[in-house]
Protein backbone atom coordinates (compact mmCIF):
# COMPACT_ATOMS: atom_id res chain seq x y z
CA MET A 1 5.49 0.28 18.05
CA ASN A 2 2.26 1.37 16.34
CA MET A 3 1.42 4.94 15.35
CA THR A 4 -1.80 6.17 13.78
CA SER A 5 -2.59 9.53 12.28
CA THR A 6 -5.45 11.06 10.37
CA ASN A 7 -5.78 13.78 7.78
CA SER A 8 -9.29 15.18 7.92
CA THR A 9 -8.79 17.84 5.26
CA PRO A 10 -10.96 17.03 2.25
CA TYR A 11 -8.57 18.00 -0.57
CA LYS A 12 -5.02 18.51 0.74
CA ASP A 13 -2.28 15.99 1.52
CA ILE A 14 -0.27 16.74 4.67
CA HIS A 15 3.50 16.40 5.00
CA LEU A 16 4.58 15.12 8.42
CA GLU A 17 8.09 14.58 9.76
CA CYS A 18 8.39 12.32 12.82
CA ASN A 19 11.37 11.91 15.13
CA ASN A 20 10.84 8.70 17.08
CA GLY A 21 13.81 9.04 19.42
CA LYS A 22 14.72 5.37 18.96
CA SER A 23 16.26 3.60 16.03
CA PHE A 24 14.21 0.96 14.25
CA LYS A 25 15.16 -1.83 11.89
CA SER A 26 12.11 -1.74 9.62
CA VAL A 27 8.81 0.03 9.11
CA SER A 28 5.53 -0.73 7.34
CA GLY A 29 2.33 1.18 6.78
CA LYS A 30 -1.33 0.88 5.81
CA VAL A 31 -3.78 3.57 4.72
CA VAL A 32 -7.59 3.64 4.84
CA ASN A 33 -9.03 5.92 2.18
CA GLY A 34 -11.53 6.41 -0.63
CA LYS A 35 -11.76 8.64 -3.70
CA GLN A 36 -14.11 11.10 -2.01
CA ILE A 37 -14.37 12.19 1.64
CA THR A 38 -18.06 11.16 1.56
CA ASP A 39 -17.36 7.57 0.39
CA TYR A 40 -18.52 4.68 2.56
CA ASN A 41 -18.99 0.93 2.27
CA SER A 42 -22.39 -0.74 2.39
CA PHE A 43 -23.99 -4.01 1.32
CA ASP A 44 -25.63 -2.28 -1.65
CA GLU A 45 -22.55 -0.53 -3.03
CA LYS A 46 -19.24 -1.83 -4.25
CA GLU A 47 -16.38 -1.23 -1.81
CA LYS A 48 -15.44 2.48 -2.01
CA VAL A 49 -13.32 2.76 1.15
CA TYR A 50 -10.30 0.50 1.06
CA ILE A 51 -7.15 -0.49 2.93
CA LYS A 52 -3.88 -0.61 1.02
CA ASN A 53 -0.15 -0.50 1.69
CA PHE A 54 1.25 2.92 2.55
CA GLU A 55 4.76 3.94 1.51
CA VAL A 56 6.82 5.12 4.48
CA LYS A 57 10.01 7.03 3.70
CA ARG A 58 12.84 7.02 6.21
CA SER A 59 15.02 10.10 6.63
CA ASN A 60 17.49 8.10 8.73
CA ASP A 61 17.35 5.29 11.32
CA LYS A 62 15.17 7.34 13.72
CA ASP A 63 13.08 9.68 11.54
CA LEU A 64 10.13 9.25 9.18
CA ASP A 65 9.01 11.46 6.32
CA LEU A 66 5.28 10.95 5.68
CA LEU A 67 2.87 12.32 3.10
CA ILE A 68 -0.60 11.63 4.49
CA PRO A 69 -3.28 11.64 1.76
CA ALA A 70 -6.34 13.87 2.10
CA HIS A 71 -9.25 12.41 4.12
CA SER A 72 -7.36 9.29 5.23
CA ILE A 73 -6.15 7.36 8.25
CA ILE A 74 -2.70 5.79 8.35
CA LEU A 75 -1.18 3.09 10.53
CA ILE A 76 2.61 2.98 10.84
CA GLN A 77 4.30 -0.04 12.45
CA LEU A 78 7.89 0.37 13.60
CA TYR A 79 9.97 -2.68 14.37
CA LEU A 80 12.57 -1.55 16.93
CA ASP A 81 16.18 -2.73 17.08
């Protein structure tokens, strides 16, 4: 199962707790972000917006505890039992 979420605030990380209702055996995540909310990629500039692994904390076998960075998009992939 895939979940995406965004944090459009320019300077504040957001804490999010998710109850998925189903147990899952593993989880992975990716984040798209840059240092500034105004960053963008172009052919003239070095890559400022990047994709990297995102740490996903599990509260138990059904719940996630996420800290979404400011001005970012996350992708969470749950692998169900």
